Amino acid sequence: MNSKFISSFAALALLAATSAFAEDMHTSSKFAGPKANSGTVTHAVVDGKNVLTLSDDFKVPGTPDPHWQVVDSKGNTYLLQKLSIKGDKINRSTTLPAYVQDVSKVQIWCAWAEVVLGEASFDRPLQLTSR
């Protein structure tokens, strides 16, 4: 009983600490597209890094090679990491590289078919903090 209480308390404390350090959280519109059309993505600054996280209701498209991709305010696209990893796991979060200056849209890109499977946009481009 005590170990369950301690575990629950530790998890709650970790969640509170993460929330306290996550500055300026932003949530996108719902994903829309031919294969990725559920869920949203949230941007937060965690430990000085810009992190994008998929919502729990996001469904990974059943395509061969889905990846994270972001689009900046000038229309430049940045292909990031693969969504699916070994053992039916997915990369629900990705840390944006320093060379990405802002983000207007988040896309799910199929690298095999070279097509956008769905995209979600922010109300206005997110100006990313310097690291």
Protein backbone atom coordinates (compact mmCIF):
# COMPACT_ATOMS: atom_id res chain seq x y z
CA MET A 1 0.00 0.00 0.00
CA ASN A 2 2.75 2.46 0.97
CA SER A 3 4.74 1.67 -2.17
CA LYS A 4 1.69 2.42 -4.35
CA PHE A 5 1.17 5.70 -2.51
CA ILE A 6 4.83 6.65 -2.87
CA SER A 7 4.83 5.72 -6.59
CA SER A 8 1.68 7.75 -7.18
CA PHE A 9 3.09 10.71 -5.28
CA ALA A 10 6.38 10.54 -7.23
CA ALA A 11 4.54 10.42 -10.56
CA LEU A 12 2.38 13.39 -9.56
CA ALA A 13 5.45 15.36 -8.43
CA LEU A 14 7.23 14.62 -11.72
CA LEU A 15 4.18 15.73 -13.69
CA ALA A 16 3.93 18.94 -11.67
CA ALA A 17 7.64 19.66 -12.10
CA THR A 18 7.44 19.07 -15.85
CA SER A 19 4.41 21.35 -16.10
CA ALA A 20 6.11 24.06 -14.06
CA PHE A 21 9.15 24.07 -16.34
CA ALA A 22 7.21 23.80 -19.59
CA GLU A 23 6.96 27.42 -20.66
CA ASP A 24 4.40 28.76 -23.11
CA MET A 25 2.63 25.61 -24.22
CA HIS A 26 0.85 25.85 -27.58
CA THR A 27 -1.62 23.36 -29.05
CA SER A 28 -2.23 22.97 -32.79
CA SER A 29 -5.42 22.44 -34.70
CA LYS A 30 -6.58 18.86 -35.21
CA PHE A 31 -4.60 16.88 -37.79
CA ALA A 32 -6.34 16.81 -41.16
CA GLY A 33 -5.37 14.70 -44.15
CA PRO A 34 -5.94 11.48 -46.02
CA LYS A 35 -4.34 9.20 -43.40
CA ALA A 36 -3.53 11.32 -40.30
CA ASN A 37 -6.76 12.96 -39.23
CA SER A 38 -7.00 12.67 -35.47
CA GLY A 39 -5.30 14.30 -32.53
CA THR A 40 -3.24 17.44 -32.11
CA VAL A 41 0.35 18.36 -31.34
CA THR A 42 1.57 20.48 -28.43
CA HIS A 43 4.70 22.63 -28.35
CA ALA A 44 6.47 23.31 -25.07
CA VAL A 45 9.90 24.42 -23.93
CA VAL A 46 11.29 21.70 -21.66
CA ASP A 47 14.72 22.12 -20.10
CA GLY A 48 15.52 24.82 -22.66
CA LYS A 49 14.59 22.64 -25.64
CA ASN A 50 11.63 22.99 -27.99
CA VAL A 51 9.59 19.79 -27.86
CA LEU A 52 6.59 18.71 -29.93
CA THR A 53 4.30 16.04 -28.45
CA LEU A 54 1.40 14.20 -30.06
CA SER A 55 -1.88 14.01 -28.16
CA ASP A 56 -3.08 10.69 -26.77
CA ASP A 57 -5.89 10.49 -29.35
CA PHE A 58 -3.47 10.70 -32.30
CA LYS A 59 -3.57 7.54 -34.42
CA VAL A 60 -0.39 6.62 -36.30
CA PRO A 61 -1.21 6.12 -39.99
CA GLY A 62 -0.90 2.55 -41.25
CA THR A 63 1.71 3.46 -43.84
CA PRO A 64 5.24 2.09 -44.34
CA ASP A 65 7.40 5.02 -43.18
CA PRO A 66 5.64 7.89 -41.32
CA HIS A 67 7.89 10.70 -40.05
CA TRP A 68 7.60 13.97 -38.18
CA GLN A 69 7.96 16.99 -40.48
CA VAL A 70 7.63 20.69 -39.65
CA VAL A 71 7.04 23.68 -41.91
CA ASP A 72 8.28 27.15 -40.99
CA SER A 73 6.70 30.52 -41.80
CA LYS A 74 8.72 30.78 -45.05
CA GLY A 75 7.50 27.39 -46.31
CA ASN A 76 10.74 25.52 -45.61
CA THR A 77 10.18 21.91 -44.58
CA TYR A 78 12.29 20.00 -42.09
CA LEU A 79 12.08 16.21 -42.09
CA LEU A 80 12.61 14.94 -38.56
CA GLN A 81 12.57 11.52 -36.93
CA LYS A 82 10.53 8.49 -37.80
CA LEU A 83 7.24 8.04 -35.92
CA SER A 84 7.27 4.26 -35.70
CA ILE A 85 10.08 2.47 -33.91
CA LYS A 86 10.76 -1.15 -32.98
CA GLY A 87 8.14 -3.18 -31.22
CA ASP A 88 5.02 -1.23 -32.20
CA LYS A 89 6.24 1.80 -30.26
CA ILE A 90 6.07 5.36 -31.53
CA ASN A 91 8.03 8.54 -30.98
CA ARG A 92 5.20 10.58 -29.43
CA SER A 93 7.61 13.49 -28.87
CA THR A 94 10.41 15.02 -30.86
CA THR A 95 12.93 17.72 -29.96
CA LEU A 96 13.30 20.36 -32.62
CA PRO A 97 16.84 20.98 -33.89
CA ALA A 98 18.39 24.41 -33.27
CA TYR A 99 18.35 25.34 -36.97
CA VAL A 100 14.51 25.41 -37.02
CA GLN A 101 13.67 29.03 -36.20
CA ASP A 102 9.87 28.86 -36.19
CA VAL A 103 7.05 26.39 -36.79
CA SER A 104 3.78 27.06 -38.63
CA LYS A 105 2.66 23.48 -39.28
CA VAL A 106 3.43 19.97 -38.18
CA GLN A 107 3.03 17.32 -40.84
CA ILE A 108 3.06 13.56 -40.82
CA TRP A 109 5.13 12.65 -43.88
CA CYS A 110 5.38 9.23 -45.50
CA ALA A 111 9.02 8.98 -46.57
CA TRP A 112 8.28 5.85 -48.62
CA ALA A 113 5.50 7.35 -50.78
CA GLU A 114 6.82 10.92 -50.39
CA VAL A 115 3.41 12.34 -49.50
CA VAL A 116 1.90 14.34 -46.62
CA LEU A 117 -0.45 12.09 -44.67
CA GLY A 118 -1.90 14.90 -42.57
CA GLU A 119 -1.03 18.22 -41.03
CA ALA A 120 -1.89 20.38 -38.05
CA SER A 121 -1.23 24.10 -37.84
CA PHE A 122 -0.75 26.65 -35.08
CA ASP A 123 -2.75 29.89 -34.87
CA ARG A 124 0.41 31.80 -35.71
CA PRO A 125 4.01 30.70 -36.33
CA LEU A 126 5.75 29.66 -33.13
CA GLN A 127 8.92 31.66 -32.63
CA LEU A 128 11.26 29.18 -31.02
CA THR A 129 13.40 30.20 -28.12
CA SER A 130 17.15 30.28 -28.51
CA ARG A 131 19.12 27.67 -26.65
